[in-house]
Amino acid sequence: MEIVLQPVLTDLDNNTLNNLGNDISREFENTRVTVSSATNNSNLMQLKKDITFQSSFDKHRNQWYSPKLLVWFFEKFRPNKDTKILFILDADAYSDGLNYVLGEAYPKGGLGIIYLPRIRQEFYGLKPDNKLFFERMVKESVHELGHVFGFSHCKNLQCVMHFSNTLKDTDNKMRCFCGTCRMKKIIF
Protein backbone atom coordinates (compact mmCIF):
# COMPACT_ATOMS: atom_id res chain seq x y z
CA MET A 1 0.00 0.00 0.00
CA GLU A 2 1.22 3.50 -0.81
CA ILE A 3 0.15 6.99 0.25
CA VAL A 4 1.16 9.79 -2.11
CA LEU A 5 1.32 13.34 -0.77
CA GLN A 6 0.53 15.65 -3.67
CA PRO A 7 1.11 19.37 -3.04
CA VAL A 8 -1.02 21.67 -5.20
CA LEU A 9 -1.02 25.46 -5.24
CA THR A 10 1.34 25.57 -2.26
CA ASP A 11 4.90 26.61 -1.60
CA LEU A 12 5.58 24.12 1.20
CA ASP A 13 9.23 23.11 1.05
CA ASN A 14 10.37 19.52 0.51
CA ASN A 15 11.71 19.24 4.06
CA THR A 16 8.27 20.06 5.53
CA LEU A 17 6.55 17.64 3.15
CA ASN A 18 9.05 14.87 3.92
CA ASN A 19 8.59 15.43 7.67
CA LEU A 20 4.82 15.27 7.16
CA GLY A 21 5.25 12.00 5.28
CA ASN A 22 7.36 10.56 8.09
CA ASP A 23 4.76 11.49 10.70
CA ILE A 24 1.92 10.05 8.61
CA SER A 25 3.81 6.78 8.14
CA ARG A 26 3.87 6.31 11.93
CA GLU A 27 0.07 6.02 11.92
CA PHE A 28 -0.20 3.91 8.78
CA GLU A 29 2.32 1.13 9.37
CA ASN A 30 3.23 -1.09 6.42
CA THR A 31 2.33 1.77 4.10
CA ARG A 32 4.92 3.60 2.05
CA VAL A 33 4.49 7.39 2.03
CA THR A 34 5.96 9.34 -0.87
CA VAL A 35 5.94 13.02 -1.75
CA SER A 36 5.14 13.98 -5.31
CA SER A 37 6.18 17.25 -6.90
CA ALA A 38 3.47 19.38 -8.48
CA THR A 39 5.89 20.56 -11.14
CA ASN A 40 6.51 16.99 -12.34
CA ASN A 41 2.88 16.23 -13.07
CA SER A 42 1.45 17.36 -16.40
CA ASN A 43 -2.11 17.14 -15.02
CA LEU A 44 -1.27 19.71 -12.38
CA MET A 45 0.52 21.94 -14.86
CA GLN A 46 -2.78 22.29 -16.73
CA LEU A 47 -4.64 23.35 -13.58
CA LYS A 48 -4.99 27.02 -14.44
CA LYS A 49 -6.27 26.19 -17.91
CA ASP A 50 -8.80 23.59 -16.82
CA ILE A 51 -12.33 25.02 -16.94
CA THR A 52 -13.84 22.35 -14.66
CA PHE A 53 -11.14 22.97 -12.06
CA GLN A 54 -11.63 26.72 -12.27
CA SER A 55 -15.42 26.34 -11.96
CA SER A 56 -14.82 24.86 -8.50
CA PHE A 57 -13.95 28.36 -7.30
CA ASP A 58 -16.78 30.48 -5.89
CA LYS A 59 -15.84 34.11 -6.54
CA HIS A 60 -18.52 35.46 -4.19
CA ARG A 61 -17.21 33.42 -1.25
CA ASN A 62 -13.57 33.59 -2.36
CA GLN A 63 -13.40 29.85 -1.61
CA TRP A 64 -13.13 26.57 -3.47
CA TYR A 65 -16.03 24.12 -3.41
CA SER A 66 -14.39 21.02 -1.97
CA PRO A 67 -16.72 18.28 -3.34
CA LYS A 68 -16.15 19.51 -6.89
CA LEU A 69 -12.38 19.52 -6.36
CA LEU A 70 -12.51 15.95 -5.06
CA VAL A 71 -14.34 14.84 -8.21
CA TRP A 72 -11.90 16.74 -10.42
CA PHE A 73 -8.86 15.18 -8.73
CA PHE A 74 -10.44 11.73 -8.92
CA GLU A 75 -11.12 12.11 -12.65
CA LYS A 76 -7.56 13.30 -13.31
CA PHE A 77 -5.66 10.86 -11.09
CA ARG A 78 -7.84 7.77 -10.49
CA PRO A 79 -5.56 6.07 -7.96
CA ASN A 80 -5.39 2.28 -8.13
CA LYS A 81 -6.59 0.15 -5.21
CA ASP A 82 -3.09 0.02 -3.70
CA THR A 83 -2.53 3.79 -3.80
CA LYS A 84 -4.14 6.56 -1.78
CA ILE A 85 -3.52 10.22 -2.57
CA LEU A 86 -3.63 13.16 -0.18
CA PHE A 87 -3.72 16.51 -1.97
CA ILE A 88 -2.34 19.45 0.00
CA LEU A 89 -3.79 22.77 -1.12
CA ASP A 90 -2.96 26.25 0.06
CA ALA A 91 -6.52 27.33 -0.66
CA ASP A 92 -9.60 28.03 1.43
CA ALA A 93 -12.56 25.71 0.81
CA TYR A 94 -16.10 24.97 1.89
CA SER A 95 -18.54 22.10 1.56
CA ASP A 96 -22.27 21.53 1.77
CA GLY A 97 -23.63 22.90 5.04
CA LEU A 98 -20.21 24.11 6.23
CA ASN A 99 -18.73 27.60 5.97
CA TYR A 100 -15.28 26.10 5.63
CA VAL A 101 -13.50 22.76 5.74
CA LEU A 102 -9.98 21.93 6.86
CA GLY A 103 -10.07 18.83 4.70
CA GLU A 104 -12.36 16.37 2.99
CA ALA A 105 -12.08 12.81 1.70
CA TYR A 106 -13.50 10.69 -1.08
CA PRO A 107 -12.99 7.17 0.34
CA LYS A 108 -14.36 5.30 -2.68
CA GLY A 109 -12.01 7.31 -4.86
CA GLY A 110 -8.97 6.66 -2.70
CA LEU A 111 -8.16 10.31 -2.14
CA GLY A 112 -8.47 13.21 0.26
CA ILE A 113 -7.57 16.88 0.47
CA ILE A 114 -6.36 19.12 3.26
CA TYR A 115 -6.64 22.90 3.03
CA LEU A 116 -3.88 24.93 4.67
CA PRO A 117 -5.04 28.56 5.14
CA ARG A 118 -7.25 28.10 8.19
CA ILE A 119 -4.71 25.99 10.06
CA ARG A 120 -2.22 28.88 9.88
CA GLN A 121 -2.18 31.42 12.70
CA GLU A 122 -1.74 34.22 10.16
CA PHE A 123 -5.24 33.57 8.80
CA TYR A 124 -6.58 34.93 12.11
CA GLY A 125 -4.23 37.92 12.24
CA LEU A 126 -1.85 36.19 14.66
CA LYS A 127 1.91 35.69 14.51
CA PRO A 128 3.08 32.70 12.48
CA ASP A 129 3.70 29.57 14.53
CA ASN A 130 5.37 26.96 12.33
CA LYS A 131 5.34 24.28 15.02
CA LEU A 132 1.58 24.65 15.60
CA PHE A 133 0.94 24.82 11.85
CA PHE A 134 2.86 21.58 11.31
CA GLU A 135 1.05 19.83 14.18
CA ARG A 136 -2.32 20.83 12.72
CA MET A 137 -1.23 19.71 9.27
CA VAL A 138 -0.29 16.27 10.61
CA LYS A 139 -3.62 15.91 12.43
CA GLU A 140 -5.69 16.95 9.42
CA SER A 141 -3.67 14.69 7.12
CA VAL A 142 -4.05 11.63 9.34
CA HIS A 143 -7.76 12.44 9.81
CA GLU A 144 -8.51 12.68 6.08
CA LEU A 145 -6.41 9.62 5.28
CA GLY A 146 -8.31 7.82 8.03
CA HIS A 147 -11.49 8.53 6.06
CA VAL A 148 -9.81 7.40 2.84
CA PHE A 149 -9.01 4.09 4.56
CA GLY A 150 -12.63 3.73 5.68
CA PHE A 151 -12.73 5.21 9.18
CA SER A 152 -15.74 7.25 10.26
CA HIS A 153 -15.75 10.01 12.86
CA CYS A 154 -14.96 8.94 16.42
CA LYS A 155 -16.78 10.10 19.56
CA ASN A 156 -13.51 10.25 21.53
CA LEU A 157 -12.66 13.97 21.70
CA GLN A 158 -8.93 13.22 21.68
CA CYS A 159 -8.91 10.79 18.76
CA VAL A 160 -7.56 12.11 15.48
CA MET A 161 -10.78 10.83 13.87
CA HIS A 162 -12.97 13.11 16.01
CA PHE A 163 -14.77 15.71 13.87
CA SER A 164 -13.25 19.17 14.24
CA ASN A 165 -16.03 21.73 14.30
CA THR A 166 -13.48 24.40 15.20
CA LEU A 167 -9.72 24.73 15.07
CA LYS A 168 -9.71 24.40 18.87
CA ASP A 169 -11.10 20.87 18.39
CA THR A 170 -8.14 20.10 16.14
CA ASP A 171 -5.68 21.52 18.66
CA ASN A 172 -7.21 19.48 21.50
CA LYS A 173 -7.06 16.11 19.79
CA MET A 174 -4.10 13.78 19.40
CA ARG A 175 -2.35 13.19 16.11
CA CYS A 176 -3.01 9.46 16.41
CA PHE A 177 -5.90 7.00 16.52
CA CYS A 178 -7.48 6.17 19.88
CA GLY A 179 -7.49 2.56 21.14
CA THR A 180 -10.91 1.82 19.64
CA CYS A 181 -9.89 3.14 16.22
CA ARG A 182 -6.54 1.31 16.41
CA MET A 183 -8.51 -1.93 16.81
CA LYS A 184 -10.57 -1.04 13.72
CA LYS A 185 -7.34 -0.33 11.87
CA ILE A 186 -6.21 -3.91 12.44
CA ILE A 187 -9.39 -5.12 10.75
CA PHE A 188 -8.82 -2.91 7.69
C-alpha atoms as a PDB file:
ATOM      1  CA  MET A   1       0.000   0.000   0.000  1.00  0.00           C
ATOM      2  CA  GLU A   2       1.223   3.504  -0.811  1.00  0.00           C
ATOM      3  CA  ILE A   3       0.151   6.989   0.246  1.00  0.00           C
ATOM      4  CA  VAL A   4       1.159   9.791  -2.107  1.00  0.00           C
ATOM      5  CA  LEU A   5       1.316  13.338  -0.770  1.00  0.00           C
ATOM      6  CA  GLN A   6       0.532  15.654  -3.674  1.00  0.00           C
ATOM      7  CA  PRO A   7       1.110  19.373  -3.044  1.00  0.00           C
ATOM      8  CA  VAL A   8      -1.019  21.670  -5.200  1.00  0.00           C
ATOM      9  CA  LEU A   9      -1.018  25.462  -5.239  1.00  0.00           C
ATOM     10  CA  THR A  10       1.342  25.567  -2.263  1.00  0.00           C
ATOM     11  CA  ASP A  11       4.904  26.610  -1.604  1.00  0.00           C
ATOM     12  CA  LEU A  12       5.584  24.119   1.199  1.00  0.00           C
ATOM     13  CA  ASP A  13       9.231  23.111   1.051  1.00  0.00           C
ATOM     14  CA  ASN A  14      10.367  19.521   0.513  1.00  0.00           C
ATOM     15  CA  ASN A  15      11.710  19.240   4.060  1.00  0.00           C
ATOM     16  CA  THR A  16       8.275  20.064   5.531  1.00  0.00           C
ATOM     17  CA  LEU A  17       6.552  17.645   3.152  1.00  0.00           C
ATOM     18  CA  ASN A  18       9.048  14.868   3.924  1.00  0.00           C
ATOM     19  CA  ASN A  19       8.587  15.425   7.669  1.00  0.00           C
ATOM     20  CA  LEU A  20       4.819  15.274   7.158  1.00  0.00           C
ATOM     21  CA  GLY A  21       5.248  12.000   5.277  1.00  0.00           C
ATOM     22  CA  ASN A  22       7.363  10.557   8.095  1.00  0.00           C
ATOM     23  CA  ASP A  23       4.760  11.487  10.703  1.00  0.00           C
ATOM     24  CA  ILE A  24       1.916  10.053   8.610  1.00  0.00           C
ATOM     25  CA  SER A  25       3.809   6.782   8.144  1.00  0.00           C
ATOM     26  CA  ARG A  26       3.866   6.308  11.933  1.00  0.00           C
ATOM     27  CA  GLU A  27       0.066   6.016  11.924  1.00  0.00           C
ATOM     28  CA  PHE A  28      -0.197   3.912   8.780  1.00  0.00           C
ATOM     29  CA  GLU A  29       2.319   1.129   9.371  1.00  0.00           C
ATOM     30  CA  ASN A  30       3.232  -1.091   6.422  1.00  0.00           C
ATOM     31  CA  THR A  31       2.334   1.768   4.104  1.00  0.00           C
ATOM     32  CA  ARG A  32       4.922   3.597   2.051  1.00  0.00           C
ATOM     33  CA  VAL A  33       4.486   7.386   2.031  1.00  0.00           C
ATOM     34  CA  THR A  34       5.958   9.336  -0.872  1.00  0.00           C
ATOM     35  CA  VAL A  35       5.942  13.021  -1.746  1.00  0.00           C
ATOM     36  CA  SER A  36       5.141  13.982  -5.313  1.00  0.00           C
ATOM     37  CA  SER A  37       6.180  17.248  -6.899  1.00  0.00           C
ATOM     38  CA  ALA A  38       3.468  19.379  -8.477  1.00  0.00           C
ATOM     39  CA  THR A  39       5.890  20.563 -11.142  1.00  0.00           C
ATOM     40  CA  ASN A  40       6.509  16.990 -12.339  1.00  0.00           C
ATOM     41  CA  ASN A  41       2.883  16.227 -13.070  1.00  0.00           C
ATOM     42  CA  SER A  42       1.452  17.357 -16.398  1.00  0.00           C
ATOM     43  CA  ASN A  43      -2.111  17.139 -15.020  1.00  0.00           C
ATOM     44  CA  LEU A  44      -1.270  19.714 -12.384  1.00  0.00           C
ATOM     45  CA  MET A  45       0.520  21.945 -14.862  1.00  0.00           C
ATOM     46  CA  GLN A  46      -2.783  22.293 -16.727  1.00  0.00           C
ATOM     47  CA  LEU A  47      -4.645  23.350 -13.576  1.00  0.00           C
ATOM     48  CA  LYS A  48      -4.990  27.016 -14.435  1.00  0.00           C
ATOM     49  CA  LYS A  49      -6.269  26.187 -17.914  1.00  0.00           C
ATOM     50  CA  ASP A  50      -8.803  23.590 -16.824  1.00  0.00           C
ATOM     51  CA  ILE A  51     -12.332  25.025 -16.936  1.00  0.00           C
ATOM     52  CA  THR A  52     -13.840  22.354 -14.655  1.00  0.00           C
ATOM     53  CA  PHE A  53     -11.144  22.968 -12.061  1.00  0.00           C
ATOM     54  CA  GLN A  54     -11.631  26.723 -12.271  1.00  0.00           C
ATOM     55  CA  SER A  55     -15.417  26.341 -11.962  1.00  0.00           C
ATOM     56  CA  SER A  56     -14.819  24.863  -8.495  1.00  0.00           C
ATOM     57  CA  PHE A  57     -13.946  28.361  -7.301  1.00  0.00           C
ATOM     58  CA  ASP A  58     -16.782  30.476  -5.889  1.00  0.00           C
ATOM     59  CA  LYS A  59     -15.839  34.111  -6.539  1.00  0.00           C
ATOM     60  CA  HIS A  60     -18.517  35.457  -4.192  1.00  0.00           C
ATOM     61  CA  ARG A  61     -17.210  33.421  -1.250  1.00  0.00           C
ATOM     62  CA  ASN A  62     -13.573  33.586  -2.357  1.00  0.00           C
ATOM     63  CA  GLN A  63     -13.403  29.851  -1.607  1.00  0.00           C
ATOM     64  CA  TRP A  64     -13.133  26.574  -3.471  1.00  0.00           C
ATOM     65  CA  TYR A  65     -16.034  24.118  -3.410  1.00  0.00           C
ATOM     66  CA  SER A  66     -14.392  21.015  -1.974  1.00  0.00           C
ATOM     67  CA  PRO A  67     -16.722  18.284  -3.340  1.00  0.00           C
ATOM     68  CA  LYS A  68     -16.149  19.513  -6.889  1.00  0.00           C
ATOM     69  CA  LEU A  69     -12.376  19.523  -6.357  1.00  0.00           C
ATOM     70  CA  LEU A  70     -12.514  15.947  -5.060  1.00  0.00           C
ATOM     71  CA  VAL A  71     -14.338  14.836  -8.208  1.00  0.00           C
ATOM     72  CA  TRP A  72     -11.896  16.742 -10.420  1.00  0.00           C
ATOM     73  CA  PHE A  73      -8.856  15.183  -8.731  1.00  0.00           C
ATOM     74  CA  PHE A  74     -10.438  11.733  -8.922  1.00  0.00           C
ATOM     75  CA  GLU A  75     -11.121  12.111 -12.648  1.00  0.00           C
ATOM     76  CA  LYS A  76      -7.560  13.302 -13.313  1.00  0.00           C
ATOM     77  CA  PHE A  77      -5.656  10.861 -11.092  1.00  0.00           C
ATOM     78  CA  ARG A  78      -7.839   7.770 -10.488  1.00  0.00           C
ATOM     79  CA  PRO A  79      -5.559   6.071  -7.957  1.00  0.00           C
ATOM     80  CA  ASN A  80      -5.394   2.282  -8.132  1.00  0.00           C
ATOM     81  CA  LYS A  81      -6.592   0.154  -5.209  1.00  0.00           C
ATOM     82  CA  ASP A  82      -3.087   0.025  -3.700  1.00  0.00           C
ATOM     83  CA  THR A  83      -2.529   3.791  -3.799  1.00  0.00           C
ATOM     84  CA  LYS A  84      -4.145   6.558  -1.776  1.00  0.00           C
ATOM     85  CA  ILE A  85      -3.517  10.222  -2.567  1.00  0.00           C
ATOM     86  CA  LEU A  86      -3.632  13.163  -0.177  1.00  0.00           C
ATOM     87  CA  PHE A  87      -3.721  16.511  -1.968  1.00  0.00           C
ATOM     88  CA  ILE A  88      -2.344  19.449   0.002  1.00  0.00           C
ATOM     89  CA  LEU A  89      -3.794  22.770  -1.121  1.00  0.00           C
ATOM     90  CA  ASP A  90      -2.960  26.249   0.061  1.00  0.00           C
ATOM     91  CA  ALA A  91      -6.517  27.326  -0.661  1.00  0.00           C
ATOM     92  CA  ASP A  92      -9.602  28.029   1.433  1.00  0.00           C
ATOM     93  CA  ALA A  93     -12.557  25.709   0.811  1.00  0.00           C
ATOM     94  CA  TYR A  94     -16.099  24.965   1.888  1.00  0.00           C
ATOM     95  CA  SER A  95     -18.542  22.096   1.559  1.00  0.00           C
ATOM     96  CA  ASP A  96     -22.273  21.529   1.769  1.00  0.00           C
ATOM     97  CA  GLY A  97     -23.629  22.901   5.044  1.00  0.00           C
ATOM     98  CA  LEU A  98     -20.214  24.113   6.230  1.00  0.00           C
ATOM     99  CA  ASN A  99     -18.730  27.602   5.971  1.00  0.00           C
ATOM    100  CA  TYR A 100     -15.278  26.099   5.628  1.00  0.00           C
ATOM    101  CA  VAL A 101     -13.502  22.758   5.736  1.00  0.00           C
ATOM    102  CA  LEU A 102      -9.976  21.933   6.862  1.00  0.00           C
ATOM    103  CA  GLY A 103     -10.071  18.833   4.700  1.00  0.00           C
ATOM    104  CA  GLU A 104     -12.356  16.365   2.991  1.00  0.00           C
ATOM    105  CA  ALA A 105     -12.085  12.814   1.704  1.00  0.00           C
ATOM    106  CA  TYR A 106     -13.496  10.691  -1.084  1.00  0.00           C
ATOM    107  CA  PRO A 107     -12.986   7.174   0.345  1.00  0.00           C
ATOM    108  CA  LYS A 108     -14.363   5.298  -2.683  1.00  0.00           C
ATOM    109  CA  GLY A 109     -12.015   7.311  -4.862  1.00  0.00           C
ATOM    110  CA  GLY A 110      -8.967   6.662  -2.695  1.00  0.00           C
ATOM    111  CA  LEU A 111      -8.163  10.310  -2.137  1.00  0.00           C
ATOM    112  CA  GLY A 112      -8.466  13.211   0.255  1.00  0.00           C
ATOM    113  CA  ILE A 113      -7.571  16.883   0.469  1.00  0.00           C
ATOM    114  CA  ILE A 114      -6.356  19.120   3.256  1.00  0.00           C
ATOM    115  CA  TYR A 115      -6.640  22.900   3.034  1.00  0.00           C
ATOM    116  CA  LEU A 116      -3.880  24.930   4.674  1.00  0.00           C
ATOM    117  CA  PRO A 117      -5.035  28.560   5.135  1.00  0.00           C
ATOM    118  CA  ARG A 118      -7.254  28.104   8.194  1.00  0.00           C
ATOM    119  CA  ILE A 119      -4.709  25.993  10.064  1.00  0.00           C
ATOM    120  CA  ARG A 120      -2.223  28.876   9.881  1.00  0.00           C
ATOM    121  CA  GLN A 121      -2.182  31.417  12.705  1.00  0.00           C
ATOM    122  CA  GLU A 122      -1.739  34.222  10.157  1.00  0.00           C
ATOM    123  CA  PHE A 123      -5.241  33.566   8.805  1.00  0.00           C
ATOM    124  CA  TYR A 124      -6.577  34.929  12.109  1.00  0.00           C
ATOM    125  CA  GLY A 125      -4.229  37.924  12.243  1.00  0.00           C
ATOM    126  CA  LEU A 126      -1.852  36.188  14.662  1.00  0.00           C
ATOM    127  CA  LYS A 127       1.911  35.690  14.513  1.00  0.00           C
ATOM    128  CA  PRO A 128       3.079  32.704  12.475  1.00  0.00           C
ATOM    129  CA  ASP A 129       3.702  29.569  14.525  1.00  0.00           C
ATOM    130  CA  ASN A 130       5.367  26.959  12.328  1.00  0.00           C
ATOM    131  CA  LYS A 131       5.338  24.282  15.025  1.00  0.00           C
ATOM    132  CA  LEU A 132       1.579  24.651  15.603  1.00  0.00           C
ATOM    133  CA  PHE A 133       0.941  24.820  11.852  1.00  0.00           C
ATOM    134  CA  PHE A 134       2.857  21.575  11.306  1.00  0.00           C
ATOM    135  CA  GLU A 135       1.053  19.833  14.182  1.00  0.00           C
ATOM    136  CA  ARG A 136      -2.323  20.835  12.721  1.00  0.00           C
ATOM    137  CA  MET A 137      -1.233  19.711   9.271  1.00  0.00           C
ATOM    138  CA  VAL A 138      -0.289  16.266  10.613  1.00  0.00           C
ATOM    139  CA  LYS A 139      -3.617  15.907  12.430  1.00  0.00           C
ATOM    140  CA  GLU A 140      -5.688  16.952   9.424  1.00  0.00           C
ATOM    141  CA  SER A 141      -3.669  14.693   7.118  1.00  0.00           C
ATOM    142  CA  VAL A 142      -4.051  11.630   9.343  1.00  0.00           C
ATOM    143  CA  HIS A 143      -7.765  12.440   9.809  1.00  0.00           C
ATOM    144  CA  GLU A 144      -8.515  12.681   6.083  1.00  0.00           C
ATOM    145  CA  LEU A 145      -6.407   9.625   5.284  1.00  0.00           C
ATOM    146  CA  GLY A 146      -8.306   7.818   8.025  1.00  0.00           C
ATOM    147  CA  HIS A 147     -11.490   8.529   6.062  1.00  0.00           C
ATOM    148  CA  VAL A 148      -9.805   7.399   2.840  1.00  0.00           C
ATOM    149  CA  PHE A 149      -9.008   4.094   4.560  1.00  0.00           C
ATOM    150  CA  GLY A 150     -12.628   3.729   5.676  1.00  0.00           C
ATOM    151  CA  PHE A 151     -12.727   5.210   9.176  1.00  0.00           C
ATOM    152  CA  SER A 152     -15.736   7.248  10.260  1.00  0.00           C
ATOM    153  CA  HIS A 153     -15.745  10.006  12.865  1.00  0.00           C
ATOM    154  CA  CYS A 154     -14.960   8.941  16.422  1.00  0.00           C
ATOM    155  CA  LYS A 155     -16.778  10.102  19.564  1.00  0.00           C
ATOM    156  CA  ASN A 156     -13.512  10.247  21.528  1.00  0.00           C
ATOM    157  CA  LEU A 157     -12.664  13.969  21.697  1.00  0.00           C
ATOM    158  CA  GLN A 158      -8.933  13.221  21.677  1.00  0.00           C
ATOM    159  CA  CYS A 159      -8.907  10.787  18.761  1.00  0.00           C
ATOM    160  CA  VAL A 160      -7.561  12.107  15.482  1.00  0.00           C
ATOM    161  CA  MET A 161     -10.779  10.828  13.872  1.00  0.00           C
ATOM    162  CA  HIS A 162     -12.974  13.109  16.006  1.00  0.00           C
ATOM    163  CA  PHE A 163     -14.772  15.713  13.868  1.00  0.00           C
ATOM    164  CA  SER A 164     -13.246  19.175  14.244  1.00  0.00           C
ATOM    165  CA  ASN A 165     -16.031  21.728  14.295  1.00  0.00           C
ATOM    166  CA  THR A 166     -13.481  24.401  15.204  1.00  0.00           C
ATOM    167  CA  LEU A 167      -9.719  24.731  15.074  1.00  0.00           C
ATOM    168  CA  LYS A 168      -9.709  24.397  18.868  1.00  0.00           C
ATOM    169  CA  ASP A 169     -11.100  20.870  18.386  1.00  0.00           C
ATOM    170  CA  THR A 170      -8.138  20.099  16.135  1.00  0.00           C
ATOM    171  CA  ASP A 171      -5.682  21.524  18.664  1.00  0.00           C
ATOM    172  CA  ASN A 172      -7.214  19.482  21.498  1.00  0.00           C
ATOM    173  CA  LYS A 173      -7.062  16.107  19.790  1.00  0.00           C
ATOM    174  CA  MET A 174      -4.103  13.780  19.395  1.00  0.00           C
ATOM    175  CA  ARG A 175      -2.349  13.194  16.109  1.00  0.00           C
ATOM    176  CA  CYS A 176      -3.010   9.455  16.410  1.00  0.00           C
ATOM    177  CA  PHE A 177      -5.900   6.998  16.517  1.00  0.00           C
ATOM    178  CA  CYS A 178      -7.483   6.167  19.883  1.00  0.00           C
ATOM    179  CA  GLY A 179      -7.487   2.564  21.144  1.00  0.00           C
ATOM    180  CA  THR A 180     -10.905   1.816  19.638  1.00  0.00           C
ATOM    181  CA  CYS A 181      -9.895   3.137  16.217  1.00  0.00           C
ATOM    182  CA  ARG A 182      -6.545   1.310  16.413  1.00  0.00           C
ATOM    183  CA  MET A 183      -8.508  -1.928  16.808  1.00  0.00           C
ATOM    184  CA  LYS A 184     -10.570  -1.038  13.725  1.00  0.00           C
ATOM    185  CA  LYS A 185      -7.340  -0.327  11.870  1.00  0.00           C
ATOM    186  CA  ILE A 186      -6.215  -3.906  12.439  1.00  0.00           C
ATOM    187  CA  ILE A 187      -9.394  -5.124  10.748  1.00  0.00           C
ATOM    188  CA  PHE A 188      -8.818  -2.914   7.686  1.00  0.00           C
END
